[in-house]
C-alpha atoms as a PDB file:
ATOM      1  CA  MET A   1     -42.690 -61.978   4.508  1.00  0.00           C
ATOM      2  CA  PHE A   2     -44.321 -58.730   2.503  1.00  0.00           C
ATOM      3  CA  PHE A   3     -46.792 -57.258   3.612  1.00  0.00           C
ATOM      4  CA  SER A   4     -48.300 -53.502   2.647  1.00  0.00           C
ATOM      5  CA  LEU A   5     -48.269 -50.377   4.436  1.00  0.00           C
ATOM      6  CA  LYS A   6     -51.771 -49.203   3.408  1.00  0.00           C
ATOM      7  CA  LYS A   7     -52.956 -51.959   4.991  1.00  0.00           C
ATOM      8  CA  LEU A   8     -51.661 -50.763   8.080  1.00  0.00           C
ATOM      9  CA  PRO A   9     -53.724 -48.712  10.402  1.00  0.00           C
ATOM     10  CA  SER A  10     -51.450 -45.501  11.085  1.00  0.00           C
ATOM     11  CA  LEU A  11     -50.698 -45.824  14.601  1.00  0.00           C
ATOM     12  CA  VAL A  12     -49.076 -49.349  13.565  1.00  0.00           C
ATOM     13  CA  ILE A  13     -47.240 -47.597  10.984  1.00  0.00           C
ATOM     14  CA  VAL A  14     -45.990 -44.684  13.360  1.00  0.00           C
ATOM     15  CA  ALA A  15     -44.881 -47.555  15.651  1.00  0.00           C
ATOM     16  CA  LEU A  16     -42.846 -49.514  12.854  1.00  0.00           C
ATOM     17  CA  LEU A  17     -40.926 -46.261  11.782  1.00  0.00           C
ATOM     18  CA  PRO A  18     -38.182 -46.623  14.552  1.00  0.00           C
ATOM     19  CA  PHE A  19     -37.344 -49.811  13.258  1.00  0.00           C
ATOM     20  CA  MET A  20     -37.372 -49.395   9.360  1.00  0.00           C
ATOM     21  CA  VAL A  21     -34.085 -48.346   7.229  1.00  0.00           C
ATOM     22  CA  LEU A  22     -34.133 -45.207   5.399  1.00  0.00           C
ATOM     23  CA  THR A  23     -31.984 -45.970   2.384  1.00  0.00           C
ATOM     24  CA  ALA A  24     -29.348 -43.608   1.113  1.00  0.00           C
ATOM     25  CA  CYS A  25     -26.365 -43.663  -0.914  1.00  0.00           C
ATOM     26  CA  GLY A  26     -24.751 -46.618  -0.933  1.00  0.00           C
ATOM     27  CA  ASP A  27     -27.014 -48.756   1.395  1.00  0.00           C
ATOM     28  CA  SER A  28     -28.556 -50.676  -1.586  1.00  0.00           C
ATOM     29  CA  GLU A  29     -26.917 -52.791  -4.028  1.00  0.00           C
ATOM     30  CA  HIS A  30     -28.724 -50.827  -6.649  1.00  0.00           C
ATOM     31  CA  GLU A  31     -27.232 -47.879  -5.742  1.00  0.00           C
ATOM     32  CA  THR A  32     -23.361 -48.983  -5.994  1.00  0.00           C
ATOM     33  CA  ASN A  33     -21.377 -48.969  -9.098  1.00  0.00           C
ATOM     34  CA  ALA A  34     -17.946 -50.042  -8.044  1.00  0.00           C
ATOM     35  CA  PRO A  35     -15.419 -49.447 -10.731  1.00  0.00           C
ATOM     36  CA  ALA A  36     -13.366 -51.964 -12.655  1.00  0.00           C
ATOM     37  CA  VAL A  37     -10.151 -50.420 -10.839  1.00  0.00           C
ATOM     38  CA  ALA A  38     -10.242 -48.890  -7.368  1.00  0.00           C
ATOM     39  CA  LEU A  39      -8.310 -45.956  -7.382  1.00  0.00           C
ATOM     40  CA  THR A  40      -5.766 -45.596  -4.276  1.00  0.00           C
ATOM     41  CA  ALA A  41      -4.852 -41.817  -5.627  1.00  0.00           C
ATOM     42  CA  SER A  42      -6.410 -38.844  -7.405  1.00  0.00           C
ATOM     43  CA  THR A  43      -5.072 -37.799 -10.439  1.00  0.00           C
ATOM     44  CA  VAL A  44      -4.912 -34.197 -11.526  1.00  0.00           C
ATOM     45  CA  ALA A  45      -4.039 -32.723 -15.086  1.00  0.00           C
ATOM     46  CA  SER A  46      -2.364 -29.688 -15.543  1.00  0.00           C
ATOM     47  CA  THR A  47      -2.892 -26.583 -18.032  1.00  0.00           C
ATOM     48  CA  ALA A  48      -1.464 -26.988 -21.303  1.00  0.00           C
ATOM     49  CA  VAL A  49       1.191 -25.180 -22.741  1.00  0.00           C
ATOM     50  CA  SER A  50       2.703 -25.794 -26.014  1.00  0.00           C
ATOM     51  CA  ALA A  51       0.448 -28.407 -27.012  1.00  0.00           C
ATOM     52  CA  HIS A  52       1.126 -30.495 -24.129  1.00  0.00           C
ATOM     53  CA  SER A  53      -0.353 -31.149 -20.180  1.00  0.00           C
ATOM     54  CA  HIS A  54       0.814 -33.591 -17.468  1.00  0.00           C
ATOM     55  CA  SER A  55      -0.937 -35.078 -14.678  1.00  0.00           C
ATOM     56  CA  VAL A  56       0.034 -36.118 -11.418  1.00  0.00           C
ATOM     57  CA  SER A  57      -1.324 -38.398  -8.485  1.00  0.00           C
ATOM     58  CA  ILE A  58      -2.009 -37.502  -5.196  1.00  0.00           C
ATOM     59  CA  PRO A  59      -1.870 -40.099  -2.749  1.00  0.00           C
ATOM     60  CA  PHE A  60      -5.034 -40.945  -0.435  1.00  0.00           C
ATOM     61  CA  GLY A  61      -2.648 -41.185   2.476  1.00  0.00           C
ATOM     62  CA  ASP A  62      -1.939 -37.847   1.749  1.00  0.00           C
ATOM     63  CA  VAL A  63      -4.952 -35.840   1.896  1.00  0.00           C
ATOM     64  CA  SER A  64      -5.334 -35.318   5.413  1.00  0.00           C
ATOM     65  CA  ALA A  65      -6.241 -32.754   8.170  1.00  0.00           C
ATOM     66  CA  ALA A  66      -3.349 -33.524   9.226  1.00  0.00           C
ATOM     67  CA  PRO A  67      -0.332 -34.289   6.754  1.00  0.00           C
ATOM     68  CA  ALA A  68       2.661 -36.166   7.532  1.00  0.00           C
ATOM     69  CA  GLY A  69       4.998 -33.104   6.268  1.00  0.00           C
ATOM     70  CA  ALA A  70       5.736 -29.892   5.846  1.00  0.00           C
ATOM     71  CA  VAL A  71       6.044 -30.110   2.418  1.00  0.00           C
ATOM     72  CA  LEU A  72       4.406 -32.520   0.427  1.00  0.00           C
ATOM     73  CA  GLN A  73       5.777 -32.902  -3.542  1.00  0.00           C
ATOM     74  CA  TYR A  74       4.873 -34.936  -6.780  1.00  0.00           C
ATOM     75  CA  ARG A  75       6.342 -35.560  -9.730  1.00  0.00           C
ATOM     76  CA  SER A  76       4.110 -35.532 -13.005  1.00  0.00           C
ATOM     77  CA  ASP A  77       4.142 -38.268 -15.807  1.00  0.00           C
ATOM     78  CA  SER A  78       6.604 -37.817 -18.590  1.00  0.00           C
ATOM     79  CA  VAL A  79       5.344 -36.221 -21.576  1.00  0.00           C
ATOM     80  CA  SER A  80       7.415 -35.125 -24.639  1.00  0.00           C
ATOM     81  CA  GLY A  81      10.422 -36.149 -22.976  1.00  0.00           C
ATOM     82  CA  HIS A  82      10.136 -34.116 -19.503  1.00  0.00           C
ATOM     83  CA  SER A  83       8.128 -33.913 -16.195  1.00  0.00           C
ATOM     84  CA  HIS A  84       7.629 -31.535 -13.986  1.00  0.00           C
ATOM     85  CA  VAL A  85       6.995 -30.929  -9.820  1.00  0.00           C
ATOM     86  CA  ILE A  86       4.490 -29.435  -7.846  1.00  0.00           C
ATOM     87  CA  ALA A  87       4.379 -29.068  -4.275  1.00  0.00           C
ATOM     88  CA  LEU A  88       2.089 -28.170  -1.241  1.00  0.00           C
ATOM     89  CA  SER A  89       2.687 -26.931   2.331  1.00  0.00           C
ATOM     90  CA  SER A  90       1.005 -28.793   5.106  1.00  0.00           C
ATOM     91  CA  GLN A  91      -1.787 -25.972   5.324  1.00  0.00           C
ATOM     92  CA  GLN A  92      -2.148 -25.812   1.301  1.00  0.00           C
ATOM     93  CA  MET A  93      -3.010 -29.839   1.820  1.00  0.00           C
ATOM     94  CA  ILE A  94      -5.460 -28.949   5.034  1.00  0.00           C
ATOM     95  CA  ASP A  95      -7.130 -26.451   2.620  1.00  0.00           C
ATOM     96  CA  LEU A  96      -7.381 -29.220   0.045  1.00  0.00           C
ATOM     97  CA  ASN A  97      -8.806 -31.388   2.340  1.00  0.00           C
ATOM     98  CA  SER A  98     -11.422 -29.319   3.587  1.00  0.00           C
ATOM     99  CA  GLY A  99     -12.851 -28.769  -0.106  1.00  0.00           C
ATOM    100  CA  MET A 100     -11.125 -25.765  -1.268  1.00  0.00           C
ATOM    101  CA  ARG A 101      -9.637 -25.273  -4.480  1.00  0.00           C
ATOM    102  CA  LEU A 102      -5.988 -24.739  -5.150  1.00  0.00           C
ATOM    103  CA  SER A 103      -4.063 -23.101  -7.910  1.00  0.00           C
ATOM    104  CA  LEU A 104      -0.509 -24.269  -8.025  1.00  0.00           C
ATOM    105  CA  VAL A 105       2.594 -23.488 -10.172  1.00  0.00           C
ATOM    106  CA  SER A 106       5.133 -26.413 -10.868  1.00  0.00           C
ATOM    107  CA  SER A 107       8.678 -26.582 -11.480  1.00  0.00           C
ATOM    108  CA  ALA A 108      10.727 -26.143 -14.685  1.00  0.00           C
ATOM    109  CA  PRO A 109      10.875 -29.265 -16.273  1.00  0.00           C
ATOM    110  CA  ASP A 110      13.635 -31.770 -15.967  1.00  0.00           C
ATOM    111  CA  SER A 111      14.680 -31.664 -19.570  1.00  0.00           C
ATOM    112  CA  GLY A 112      14.054 -29.636 -22.748  1.00  0.00           C
ATOM    113  CA  ALA A 113      12.984 -25.980 -23.005  1.00  0.00           C
ATOM    114  CA  VAL A 114      12.372 -24.168 -19.805  1.00  0.00           C
ATOM    115  CA  HIS A 115       8.396 -23.889 -19.348  1.00  0.00           C
ATOM    116  CA  ILE A 116       5.899 -24.204 -16.304  1.00  0.00           C
ATOM    117  CA  HIS A 117       2.245 -25.227 -15.930  1.00  0.00           C
ATOM    118  CA  VAL A 118      -0.267 -24.447 -13.903  1.00  0.00           C
ATOM    119  CA  TRP A 119      -2.399 -27.332 -11.742  1.00  0.00           C
ATOM    120  CA  ASN A 120      -6.248 -26.222 -10.724  1.00  0.00           C
ATOM    121  CA  ILE A 121      -6.862 -28.563  -8.325  1.00  0.00           C
ATOM    122  CA  GLN A 122     -10.627 -28.698  -7.250  1.00  0.00           C
ATOM    123  CA  GLY A 123     -10.905 -30.330  -3.235  1.00  0.00           C
ATOM    124  CA  GLY A 124     -13.831 -31.285  -3.430  1.00  0.00           C
ATOM    125  CA  SER A 125     -13.324 -33.460  -6.537  1.00  0.00           C
ATOM    126  CA  VAL A 126     -10.349 -35.023  -4.634  1.00  0.00           C
ATOM    127  CA  LEU A 127     -12.736 -35.466  -1.605  1.00  0.00           C
ATOM    128  CA  TYR A 128     -14.770 -37.467  -4.481  1.00  0.00           C
ATOM    129  CA  ASP A 129     -11.977 -39.465  -5.454  1.00  0.00           C
ATOM    130  CA  LYS A 130     -11.052 -40.392  -1.999  1.00  0.00           C
ATOM    131  CA  ASN A 131     -13.989 -41.180  -0.131  1.00  0.00           C
ATOM    132  CA  CYS A 132     -17.286 -41.836  -2.790  1.00  0.00           C
ATOM    133  CA  TYR A 133     -15.461 -43.217  -6.215  1.00  0.00           C
ATOM    134  CA  ASN A 134     -14.760 -46.823  -5.515  1.00  0.00           C
ATOM    135  CA  CYS A 135     -18.236 -47.503  -4.592  1.00  0.00           C
ATOM    136  CA  HIS A 136     -20.060 -45.438  -6.956  1.00  0.00           C
ATOM    137  CA  SER A 137     -18.087 -44.492  -9.932  1.00  0.00           C
ATOM    138  CA  ASN A 138     -18.860 -41.024 -11.407  1.00  0.00           C
ATOM    139  CA  ASP A 139     -21.995 -41.722 -10.652  1.00  0.00           C
ATOM    140  CA  GLN A 140     -22.483 -39.919  -7.958  1.00  0.00           C
ATOM    141  CA  ARG A 141     -20.730 -37.109  -8.552  1.00  0.00           C
ATOM    142  CA  GLY A 142     -22.110 -33.706  -8.105  1.00  0.00           C
ATOM    143  CA  GLN A 143     -24.430 -35.169  -5.674  1.00  0.00           C
ATOM    144  CA  ASN A 144     -25.006 -34.848  -2.113  1.00  0.00           C
ATOM    145  CA  PRO A 145     -22.618 -37.266  -0.434  1.00  0.00           C
ATOM    146  CA  MET A 146     -23.845 -39.708   2.697  1.00  0.00           C
ATOM    147  CA  ASN A 147     -22.897 -42.086   4.404  1.00  0.00           C
ATOM    148  CA  VAL A 148     -19.441 -40.190   5.183  1.00  0.00           C
ATOM    149  CA  VAL A 149     -18.632 -38.019   8.028  1.00  0.00           C
ATOM    150  CA  PHE A 150     -18.030 -34.498   6.361  1.00  0.00           C
ATOM    151  CA  THR A 151     -17.980 -30.853   7.235  1.00  0.00           C
ATOM    152  CA  THR A 152     -20.706 -28.716   5.757  1.00  0.00           C
ATOM    153  CA  ALA A 153     -17.679 -27.330   3.576  1.00  0.00           C
ATOM    154  CA  GLN A 154     -16.304 -30.223   2.183  1.00  0.00           C
ATOM    155  CA  THR A 155     -20.451 -31.584   1.929  1.00  0.00           C
ATOM    156  CA  ASN A 156     -21.038 -28.361  -0.285  1.00  0.00           C
ATOM    157  CA  ALA A 157     -17.530 -28.661  -2.231  1.00  0.00           C
ATOM    158  CA  VAL A 158     -18.031 -32.164  -3.251  1.00  0.00           C
ATOM    159  CA  LYS A 159     -21.161 -31.296  -4.614  1.00  0.00           C
ATOM    160  CA  ASN A 160     -19.962 -28.182  -6.305  1.00  0.00           C
ATOM    161  CA  PRO A 161     -16.203 -28.447  -6.434  1.00  0.00           C
ATOM    162  CA  GLY A 162     -15.726 -25.676  -9.021  1.00  0.00           C
ATOM    163  CA  THR A 163     -17.457 -22.876  -6.352  1.00  0.00           C
ATOM    164  CA  ALA A 164     -15.615 -23.894  -3.825  1.00  0.00           C
ATOM    165  CA  PRO A 165     -13.701 -20.908  -1.796  1.00  0.00           C
ATOM    166  CA  ALA A 166      -9.783 -20.630  -3.359  1.00  0.00           C
ATOM    167  CA  SER A 167      -7.060 -21.424  -0.548  1.00  0.00           C
ATOM    168  CA  GLY A 168      -4.955 -18.323   0.433  1.00  0.00           C
ATOM    169  CA  SER A 169      -2.322 -19.993   1.862  1.00  0.00           C
ATOM    170  CA  ALA A 170       1.202 -19.168   0.822  1.00  0.00           C
ATOM    171  CA  ALA A 171       2.682 -21.541  -1.684  1.00  0.00           C
ATOM    172  CA  VAL A 172       5.632 -23.315  -1.583  1.00  0.00           C
ATOM    173  CA  THR A 173       8.253 -23.621  -4.208  1.00  0.00           C
ATOM    174  CA  PRO A 174       8.529 -27.282  -5.781  1.00  0.00           C
ATOM    175  CA  ASP A 175      12.251 -28.914  -5.849  1.00  0.00           C
ATOM    176  CA  PRO A 176      13.084 -29.673  -9.434  1.00  0.00           C
ATOM    177  CA  ASN A 177      15.241 -32.442  -8.395  1.00  0.00           C
ATOM    178  CA  TYR A 178      12.639 -33.952  -6.282  1.00  0.00           C
ATOM    179  CA  SER A 179      12.371 -37.598  -6.871  1.00  0.00           C
ATOM    180  CA  PRO A 180       9.387 -39.858  -5.816  1.00  0.00           C
ATOM    181  CA  GLY A 181      10.182 -42.897  -4.126  1.00  0.00           C
ATOM    182  CA  ALA A 182      13.687 -41.612  -2.967  1.00  0.00           C
ATOM    183  CA  VAL A 183      14.996 -42.897   0.737  1.00  0.00           C
ATOM    184  CA  VAL A 184      14.002 -39.929   3.343  1.00  0.00           C
ATOM    185  CA  THR A 185      16.728 -38.812   5.198  1.00  0.00           C
ATOM    186  CA  PRO A 186      15.622 -36.738   8.507  1.00  0.00           C
ATOM    187  CA  ILE A 187      16.410 -33.295   7.910  1.00  0.00           C
ATOM    188  CA  ASN A 188      19.362 -31.988  10.911  1.00  0.00           C
ATOM    189  CA  ALA A 189      18.165 -28.097  10.799  1.00  0.00           C
ATOM    190  CA  ALA A 190      20.849 -27.692  13.622  1.00  0.00           C
ATOM    191  CA  SER A 191      23.739 -29.365  11.143  1.00  0.00           C
ATOM    192  CA  ILE A 192      22.980 -27.053   8.247  1.00  0.00           C
ATOM    193  CA  TYR A 193      22.860 -24.228  10.652  1.00  0.00           C
ATOM    194  CA  ALA A 194      26.288 -25.316  11.849  1.00  0.00           C
ATOM    195  CA  GLY A 195      27.831 -26.137   8.880  1.00  0.00           C
ATOM    196  CA  LEU A 196      26.294 -23.204   6.379  1.00  0.00           C
ATOM    197  CA  CYS A 197      25.123 -20.212   8.867  1.00  0.00           C
ATOM    198  CA  ALA A 198      27.306 -20.123  12.249  1.00  0.00           C
ATOM    199  CA  GLY A 199      30.150 -18.525  10.590  1.00  0.00           C
ATOM    200  CA  CYS A 200      28.650 -14.899  10.000  1.00  0.00           C
ATOM    201  CA  HIS A 201      25.061 -15.290  12.581  1.00  0.00           C
ATOM    202  CA  SER A 202      24.153 -16.171  15.726  1.00  0.00           C
ATOM    203  CA  LEU A 203      20.953 -18.021  16.852  1.00  0.00           C
ATOM    204  CA  GLY A 204      19.351 -17.075  20.365  1.00  0.00           C
ATOM    205  CA  THR A 205      20.719 -19.219  23.271  1.00  0.00           C
ATOM    206  CA  VAL A 206      21.665 -22.156  20.626  1.00  0.00           C
ATOM    207  CA  ASP A 207      24.562 -20.080  19.599  1.00  0.00           C
ATOM    208  CA  THR A 208      25.570 -16.765  21.002  1.00  0.00           C
ATOM    209  CA  LEU A 209      29.311 -16.264  19.301  1.00  0.00           C
ATOM    210  CA  GLY A 210      28.109 -15.349  16.070  1.00  0.00           C
ATOM    211  CA  GLY A 211      29.675 -12.951  13.433  1.00  0.00           C
ATOM    212  CA  THR A 212      28.926  -9.938  11.254  1.00  0.00           C
ATOM    213  CA  GLY A 213      25.533 -11.482  10.146  1.00  0.00           C
ATOM    214  CA  PRO A 214      22.254 -10.702  12.158  1.00  0.00           C
ATOM    215  CA  ASN A 215      21.142 -12.630  15.098  1.00  0.00           C
ATOM    216  CA  LEU A 216      18.497 -15.540  13.066  1.00  0.00           C
ATOM    217  CA  SER A 217      16.424 -15.854  16.593  1.00  0.00           C
ATOM    218  CA  GLY A 218      12.778 -15.721  15.826  1.00  0.00           C
ATOM    219  CA  LYS A 219      13.624 -15.267  11.766  1.00  0.00           C
ATOM    220  CA  GLY A 220      12.498 -18.289  10.144  1.00  0.00           C
ATOM    221  CA  GLY A 221      10.541 -15.828   7.557  1.00  0.00           C
ATOM    222  CA  LEU A 222      13.718 -14.286   6.139  1.00  0.00           C
ATOM    223  CA  VAL A 223      14.935 -18.181   4.647  1.00  0.00           C
ATOM    224  CA  SER A 224      12.344 -18.122   1.637  1.00  0.00           C
ATOM    225  CA  GLY A 225      13.500 -15.199   0.623  1.00  0.00           C
ATOM    226  CA  LYS A 226      17.485 -16.204   0.633  1.00  0.00           C
ATOM    227  CA  TYR A 227      16.549 -19.384  -0.886  1.00  0.00           C
ATOM    228  CA  PRO A 228      13.531 -18.525  -3.119  1.00  0.00           C
ATOM    229  CA  VAL A 229      14.239 -21.709  -5.605  1.00  0.00           C
ATOM    230  CA  PRO A 230      14.772 -25.054  -3.809  1.00  0.00           C
ATOM    231  CA  GLY A 231      17.771 -26.766  -5.761  1.00  0.00           C
ATOM    232  CA  PHE A 232      19.631 -23.763  -7.304  1.00  0.00           C
ATOM    233  CA  ALA A 233      21.922 -21.473  -5.779  1.00  0.00           C
ATOM    234  CA  GLY A 234      20.151 -18.700  -2.927  1.00  0.00           C
ATOM    235  CA  HIS A 235      22.186 -17.044  -0.203  1.00  0.00           C
ATOM    236  CA  ASN A 236      26.147 -16.730  -1.059  1.00  0.00           C
ATOM    237  CA  GLY A 237      25.465 -18.884  -3.418  1.00  0.00           C
ATOM    238  CA  LEU A 238      24.368 -21.707  -1.365  1.00  0.00           C
ATOM    239  CA  THR A 239      22.096 -24.722  -2.893  1.00  0.00           C
ATOM    240  CA  LEU A 240      18.908 -25.938  -0.410  1.00  0.00           C
ATOM    241  CA  THR A 241      16.474 -28.157  -0.825  1.00  0.00           C
ATOM    242  CA  SER A 242      12.815 -27.380  -0.244  1.00  0.00           C
ATOM    243  CA  GLU A 243      12.809 -29.963   2.861  1.00  0.00           C
ATOM    244  CA  GLN A 244      16.512 -28.201   4.098  1.00  0.00           C
ATOM    245  CA  ILE A 245      14.904 -24.741   3.899  1.00  0.00           C
ATOM    246  CA  ALA A 246      11.331 -25.925   5.933  1.00  0.00           C
ATOM    247  CA  ALA A 247      13.797 -27.402   8.343  1.00  0.00           C
ATOM    248  CA  LEU A 248      15.447 -24.116   8.666  1.00  0.00           C
ATOM    249  CA  ILE A 249      12.352 -22.048   8.788  1.00  0.00           C
ATOM    250  CA  ALA A 250      10.896 -23.849  11.725  1.00  0.00           C
ATOM    251  CA  TYR A 251      14.418 -24.185  13.438  1.00  0.00           C
ATOM    252  CA  PHE A 252      14.832 -20.220  13.229  1.00  0.00           C
ATOM    253  CA  THR A 253      11.332 -19.626  14.364  1.00  0.00           C
ATOM    254  CA  ALA A 254      11.522 -21.984  17.551  1.00  0.00           C
ATOM    255  CA  ASN A 255      14.682 -20.666  18.677  1.00  0.00           C
END
């Protein structure tokens, strides 16, 4: 049954207002335009170097205010016979989820001439991909998001991704040997310390014997300087992965 509001007294119209549904983004079938293929990740391209670029895909499940790991890594597609790895700290992922912009430097390639790429990632674009694209394709990109719970910062970032604040969080070094889909073995920082560090160092009340080296209690910040590039020889010629480095940082800081 249809009727015209023009024919109703003003008081009746006011009475009807609480029961009227105001159409917003996604409320009407005419406002949605679902893509043929739904996204499960946001794909971001790198800058071009030597006439080529790469892309990485960041799964939507990783884009969170509470990331699952201390370091999140992604290997790019293979172009000209090689690929690269980028890495985000948990804080950088939190920043991305808040809509901030990130600038990430890749690892060296897994083969071929040594070079790096830069990934300039816009958090607002990633948030749109995750929360809006599968209903609207690109039709509403750059528009005011509705029917999704966003902070003011996230809303502004979705509307204007390129003008969102840049993340100032410390970068992490990607592990050039990272392999996506590999079985993840929990890192036992205590075992790493016992096998590689205890011969020269002590560690608070955990290890009071030590040797000639300093006590590492509360000195997690030293680890990155001793092992600046995961997967390559660092302090005393030892090699650690990015996960092992992150585990030692946390272990020394906590003890």
